[in-house]
């Protein structure tokens, strides 16, 4: 069995690639220049190839070196994940949560409040992505818990409903639809809308609710609810958004909300996880289910 490459050598290799020089890597890692050279030479001897091309203007990976750097980054990420998961199993790790745009605004704050009450010493990291990316992060164990809207819980994950929501059409005051209380689904389907990107829960619900109608090409594709709200309020066009996320803007008169007749735009807000739900998250999640928006 070949001898394994040690983690410090991989850290050095990545640091050289990132800084572009041996001296820069040494400074980043707190290593003296002679030690940097010795460790790099030892790594190259172990692998039997030159990994770094040294030059007067800097150092850069060779072709084999680029392959090694790519793998080294993954190994280092996995090493960090190992540490986090061991600490989590011992009840001392950071709690990693990923949430879709709507749930980050409407569900996660309540969950964090429940979590703080149950685990006052916990450190929590929250990332916001679209629904497809949330599911991917949970599958890869990059998060202990995810929050999504609209989508059913995939068979390879577990989950629970934490609330309900539905989409409404929103336009700026002065838009031709602004004086109406509702709009027909056929009209919406024929209108070029301001939409979220593919993979977002809002976009998926919109497509399913208006099927089998042929949807007009989007007017704008934006990557956050906030950007869509701003575009609508500025008069750029119509969008379908969560009633929860537009409540403040509608109440302030910055936009007008309309029901969509002929389409079921209701959706569930869900928590998802892989395998067994960590014991320390059960109480905060139970509290959230008792007080989530419906």
Protein backbone atom coordinates (compact mmCIF):
# COMPACT_ATOMS: atom_id res chain seq x y z
CA UNK A 1 0.00 0.00 0.00
CA UNK A 2 1.54 3.35 -1.00
CA UNK A 3 2.30 5.84 1.74
CA UNK A 4 -0.35 8.53 2.13
CA UNK A 5 0.15 12.23 1.52
CA UNK A 6 -0.14 14.26 4.72
CA UNK A 7 -2.61 17.11 5.18
CA UNK A 8 0.03 19.85 5.80
CA UNK A 9 1.63 19.06 2.43
CA UNK A 10 -1.73 19.43 0.70
CA UNK A 11 -2.33 22.72 2.51
CA UNK A 12 1.03 23.95 1.25
CA UNK A 13 0.29 22.89 -2.33
CA UNK A 14 -3.02 24.75 -2.33
CA UNK A 15 -1.42 27.81 -0.73
CA UNK A 16 1.25 27.95 -3.45
CA UNK A 17 -1.44 27.74 -6.14
CA UNK A 18 -3.49 30.47 -4.45
CA UNK A 19 -0.64 32.90 -3.73
CA UNK A 20 1.47 32.25 -6.82
CA UNK A 21 4.74 31.91 -4.93
CA UNK A 22 6.56 29.80 -2.37
CA UNK A 23 7.21 32.84 -0.21
CA UNK A 24 3.55 33.84 -0.31
CA UNK A 25 2.49 30.33 0.69
CA UNK A 26 5.01 30.36 3.53
CA UNK A 27 3.67 33.67 4.80
CA UNK A 28 0.09 32.41 4.62
CA UNK A 29 0.93 29.26 6.56
CA UNK A 30 3.52 30.74 8.92
CA UNK A 31 6.36 28.64 7.48
CA UNK A 32 9.93 29.71 6.84
CA UNK A 33 11.08 29.62 3.21
CA UNK A 34 13.52 26.69 3.69
CA UNK A 35 10.75 24.62 5.27
CA UNK A 36 8.41 25.40 2.39
CA UNK A 37 10.97 24.19 -0.13
CA UNK A 38 11.76 21.04 1.84
CA UNK A 39 8.11 20.09 2.24
CA UNK A 40 7.32 20.73 -1.43
CA UNK A 41 10.36 18.73 -2.56
CA UNK A 42 9.32 15.84 -0.31
CA UNK A 43 5.78 15.89 -1.74
CA UNK A 44 7.08 15.86 -5.31
CA UNK A 45 9.40 12.93 -4.52
CA UNK A 46 6.54 11.01 -2.96
CA UNK A 47 4.31 11.50 -6.00
CA UNK A 48 7.14 11.12 -8.49
CA UNK A 49 6.25 14.24 -10.51
CA UNK A 50 7.05 17.92 -10.51
CA UNK A 51 4.02 19.72 -9.15
CA UNK A 52 5.18 23.35 -9.15
CA UNK A 53 7.09 25.22 -11.83
CA UNK A 54 9.40 27.65 -10.04
CA UNK A 55 10.32 30.86 -11.83
CA UNK A 56 11.74 34.32 -11.27
CA UNK A 57 8.28 35.87 -11.49
CA UNK A 58 6.54 33.33 -9.29
CA UNK A 59 5.49 29.71 -9.01
CA UNK A 60 2.58 27.96 -10.65
CA UNK A 61 1.29 24.38 -10.83
CA UNK A 62 2.36 22.12 -13.67
CA UNK A 63 -0.28 20.03 -15.46
CA UNK A 64 0.04 17.23 -12.87
CA UNK A 65 0.17 19.92 -10.21
CA UNK A 66 -3.19 21.33 -11.28
CA UNK A 67 -4.74 17.90 -10.93
CA UNK A 68 -3.14 17.53 -7.50
CA UNK A 69 -4.39 20.96 -6.39
CA UNK A 70 -7.95 20.14 -7.44
CA UNK A 71 -7.90 16.90 -5.45
CA UNK A 72 -6.14 18.57 -2.52
CA UNK A 73 -8.92 21.15 -2.20
CA UNK A 74 -11.51 18.38 -1.98
CA UNK A 75 -9.47 16.46 0.59
CA UNK A 76 -9.09 19.57 2.75
CA UNK A 77 -12.82 20.33 2.49
CA UNK A 78 -13.60 16.76 3.53
CA UNK A 79 -11.14 17.02 6.43
CA UNK A 80 -12.93 20.16 7.64
CA UNK A 81 -16.25 18.36 7.28
CA UNK A 82 -14.95 15.40 9.29
CA UNK A 83 -14.00 17.70 12.16
CA UNK A 84 -17.36 19.48 12.05
CA UNK A 85 -19.37 16.26 12.01
CA UNK A 86 -17.39 14.69 14.86
CA UNK A 87 -17.90 17.84 16.93
CA UNK A 88 -21.56 17.87 15.99
CA UNK A 89 -21.95 14.26 17.11
CA UNK A 90 -20.41 15.29 20.42
CA UNK A 91 -22.85 18.21 20.70
CA UNK A 92 -20.15 20.87 20.28
CA UNK A 93 -20.13 21.61 16.56
CA UNK A 94 -21.45 24.47 14.52
CA UNK A 95 -25.00 23.96 13.30
CA UNK A 96 -25.18 24.44 9.55
CA UNK A 97 -28.52 25.43 8.01
CA UNK A 98 -29.37 26.11 4.37
CA UNK A 99 -32.59 27.81 3.31
CA UNK A 100 -34.39 28.90 0.19
CA UNK A 101 -35.05 32.60 -0.32
CA UNK A 102 -38.62 32.59 0.97
CA UNK A 103 -37.97 30.32 3.95
CA UNK A 104 -34.87 32.34 4.86
CA UNK A 105 -37.09 35.41 5.19
CA UNK A 106 -40.18 33.82 6.71
CA UNK A 107 -39.23 30.60 8.53
CA UNK A 108 -35.57 30.69 9.54
CA UNK A 109 -35.85 33.67 11.96
CA UNK A 110 -38.40 31.77 14.03
CA UNK A 111 -36.29 28.63 13.93
CA UNK A 112 -33.21 30.54 15.08
CA UNK A 113 -35.17 32.00 17.98
CA UNK A 114 -36.29 28.51 19.04
CA UNK A 115 -32.77 27.20 18.57
CA UNK A 116 -31.28 29.97 20.71
CA UNK A 117 -33.75 29.17 23.48
CA UNK A 118 -32.97 25.45 23.37
CA UNK A 119 -29.21 25.73 22.72
CA UNK A 120 -28.00 29.14 23.94
CA UNK A 121 -24.32 28.25 23.38
CA UNK A 122 -24.75 26.96 19.83
CA UNK A 123 -23.01 28.59 16.87
CA UNK A 124 -25.22 28.63 13.78
CA UNK A 125 -24.21 29.24 10.16
CA UNK A 126 -27.02 29.97 7.69
CA UNK A 127 -26.63 29.99 3.91
CA UNK A 128 -29.32 31.06 1.45
CA UNK A 129 -29.72 29.29 -1.90
CA UNK A 130 -32.52 28.29 -4.22
CA UNK A 131 -34.49 25.14 -3.44
CA UNK A 132 -32.50 22.88 -5.79
CA UNK A 133 -29.22 23.95 -4.20
CA UNK A 134 -30.63 23.52 -0.68
CA UNK A 135 -31.52 19.91 -1.45
CA UNK A 136 -28.07 19.32 -2.95
CA UNK A 137 -26.34 20.75 0.13
CA UNK A 138 -28.35 18.53 2.47
CA UNK A 139 -27.61 15.47 0.33
CA UNK A 140 -23.86 16.20 0.47
CA UNK A 141 -23.96 16.67 4.26
CA UNK A 142 -22.99 20.33 3.85
CA UNK A 143 -25.86 21.20 6.17
CA UNK A 144 -27.70 19.42 8.95
CA UNK A 145 -31.01 21.02 8.08
CA UNK A 146 -32.53 22.66 5.04
CA UNK A 147 -35.67 24.71 4.50
CA UNK A 148 -37.47 24.70 1.16
CA UNK A 149 -40.77 25.78 -0.34
CA UNK A 150 -43.01 24.10 -2.85
CA UNK A 151 -41.12 20.93 -3.60
CA UNK A 152 -42.09 17.53 -2.24
CA UNK A 153 -39.50 15.94 0.01
CA UNK A 154 -37.34 13.68 -2.20
CA UNK A 155 -37.34 9.96 -1.40
CA UNK A 156 -33.69 10.01 -0.31
CA UNK A 157 -34.31 12.70 2.32
CA UNK A 158 -36.59 13.11 5.32
CA UNK A 159 -38.70 16.14 6.07
CA UNK A 160 -41.67 17.75 7.73
CA UNK A 161 -44.06 20.56 6.92
CA UNK A 162 -43.44 23.73 8.93
CA UNK A 163 -45.97 26.06 7.33
CA UNK A 164 -47.95 27.09 4.27
CA UNK A 165 -47.78 29.88 1.75
CA UNK A 166 -49.24 30.83 -1.61
CA UNK A 167 -48.15 32.97 -4.51
CA UNK A 168 -49.89 36.14 -5.63
CA UNK A 169 -49.42 38.30 -8.69
CA UNK A 170 -47.82 41.64 -7.83
CA UNK A 171 -47.60 44.83 -9.88
CA UNK A 172 -46.70 48.45 -9.24
CA UNK A 173 -49.41 51.04 -8.54
CA UNK A 174 -50.44 52.40 -11.93
CA UNK A 175 -50.02 49.08 -13.73
CA UNK A 176 -53.08 48.20 -15.88
CA UNK A 177 -53.90 45.37 -13.47
CA UNK A 178 -53.49 47.42 -10.29
CA UNK A 179 -57.18 48.30 -10.01
CA UNK A 180 -58.31 44.68 -10.18
CA UNK A 181 -58.70 42.27 -7.30
CA UNK A 182 -57.65 39.26 -9.34
CA UNK A 183 -56.29 38.18 -12.70
CA UNK A 184 -56.98 35.06 -14.76
CA UNK A 185 -54.34 32.34 -14.98
CA UNK A 186 -54.52 32.51 -18.79
CA UNK A 187 -53.62 36.21 -18.67
CA UNK A 188 -50.67 35.52 -16.39
CA UNK A 189 -49.40 32.71 -18.62
CA UNK A 190 -49.54 34.99 -21.66
CA UNK A 191 -47.67 37.81 -19.89
CA UNK A 192 -43.90 38.18 -19.89
CA UNK A 193 -43.16 37.98 -16.18
CA UNK A 194 -40.30 38.91 -13.89
CA UNK A 195 -39.25 35.50 -12.56
CA UNK A 196 -36.72 33.79 -10.31
CA UNK A 197 -34.03 31.54 -11.76
CA UNK A 198 -34.56 27.87 -12.69
CA UNK A 199 -34.29 25.72 -9.57
CA UNK A 200 -36.02 28.18 -7.25
CA UNK A 201 -39.13 26.95 -5.44
CA UNK A 202 -41.11 29.98 -6.61
CA UNK A 203 -40.27 29.31 -10.26
CA UNK A 204 -41.17 25.62 -9.92
CA UNK A 205 -44.56 26.33 -8.31
CA UNK A 206 -45.34 28.89 -11.02
CA UNK A 207 -44.54 26.40 -13.81
CA UNK A 208 -46.59 23.60 -12.24
CA UNK A 209 -49.58 25.79 -11.39
CA UNK A 210 -49.89 27.24 -14.89
CA UNK A 211 -49.32 23.95 -16.75
CA UNK A 212 -50.30 22.87 -19.34
CA UNK A 213 -50.52 26.45 -20.57
CA UNK A 214 -47.67 27.69 -22.72
CA UNK A 215 -45.83 30.35 -20.71
CA UNK A 216 -44.56 33.52 -22.35
CA UNK A 217 -40.82 34.09 -22.33
CA UNK A 218 -39.69 35.77 -19.09
CA UNK A 219 -39.23 39.51 -19.12
CA UNK A 220 -36.47 39.36 -16.49
CA UNK A 221 -34.78 36.48 -14.65
CA UNK A 222 -33.48 37.52 -11.22
CA UNK A 223 -31.76 35.56 -8.47
CA UNK A 224 -33.43 36.84 -5.31
CA UNK A 225 -36.87 37.73 -4.04
CA UNK A 226 -35.57 41.17 -3.07
CA UNK A 227 -34.44 41.86 -6.64
CA UNK A 228 -37.82 40.77 -8.01
CA UNK A 229 -39.67 42.98 -5.51
CA UNK A 230 -37.52 45.97 -6.43
CA UNK A 231 -38.10 45.42 -10.15
CA UNK A 232 -41.86 45.14 -9.67
CA UNK A 233 -42.08 48.21 -7.42
CA UNK A 234 -40.13 50.23 -10.00
CA UNK A 235 -42.77 49.44 -12.62
CA UNK A 236 -40.74 46.95 -14.66
CA UNK A 237 -43.57 44.42 -14.85
CA UNK A 238 -45.54 41.70 -13.10
CA UNK A 239 -44.24 38.85 -10.94
CA UNK A 240 -45.64 36.01 -8.87
CA UNK A 241 -44.20 35.99 -5.37
CA UNK A 242 -44.95 34.63 -1.93
CA UNK A 243 -47.77 36.50 -0.22
CA UNK A 244 -45.56 36.51 2.88
CA UNK A 245 -42.58 38.13 1.18
CA UNK A 246 -44.60 40.99 -0.34
CA UNK A 247 -46.84 41.75 2.65
CA UNK A 248 -44.79 44.74 3.84
CA UNK A 249 -44.46 46.26 0.36
CA UNK A 250 -48.18 45.81 -0.33
CA UNK A 251 -49.07 47.29 3.06
CA UNK A 252 -46.85 50.31 2.36
CA UNK A 253 -48.47 50.87 -1.04
CA UNK A 254 -45.32 50.15 -3.05
CA UNK A 255 -47.03 47.35 -4.97
CA UNK A 256 -50.45 45.78 -5.45
CA UNK A 257 -51.21 42.07 -4.91
CA UNK A 258 -53.77 40.16 -6.98
CA UNK A 259 -55.13 36.64 -6.65
CA UNK A 260 -54.70 34.40 -9.69
CA UNK A 261 -57.98 32.73 -10.66
CA UNK A 262 -57.77 29.30 -12.24
CA UNK A 263 -54.42 28.23 -10.75
CA UNK A 264 -53.52 26.52 -7.50
CA UNK A 265 -50.61 28.57 -6.16
CA UNK A 266 -50.58 27.12 -2.65
CA UNK A 267 -47.37 25.54 -1.45
CA UNK A 268 -45.87 23.96 1.64
CA UNK A 269 -42.86 25.23 3.55
CA UNK A 270 -40.74 22.29 4.69
CA UNK A 271 -37.71 21.36 6.73
CA UNK A 272 -35.54 18.60 5.19
CA UNK A 273 -32.62 16.55 6.45
CA UNK A 274 -30.60 13.46 5.57
CA UNK A 275 -30.83 10.31 7.67
CA UNK A 276 -31.95 10.78 11.26
CA UNK A 277 -32.73 14.27 12.50
CA UNK A 278 -30.02 15.27 15.02
CA UNK A 279 -31.45 15.05 18.52
CA UNK A 280 -30.46 18.61 19.39
CA UNK A 281 -32.61 19.97 16.53
CA UNK A 282 -35.81 18.15 17.50
CA UNK A 283 -37.02 20.62 20.12
CA UNK A 284 -36.41 23.78 18.01
CA UNK A 285 -38.08 22.15 15.01
CA UNK A 286 -41.08 21.07 17.09
CA UNK A 287 -41.40 24.65 18.36
CA UNK A 288 -41.24 25.95 14.79
CA UNK A 289 -44.01 23.61 13.65
CA UNK A 290 -46.19 25.00 16.40
CA UNK A 291 -45.73 28.63 15.38
CA UNK A 292 -44.83 28.71 11.68
CA UNK A 293 -46.81 30.83 9.21
CA UNK A 294 -49.96 29.21 7.85
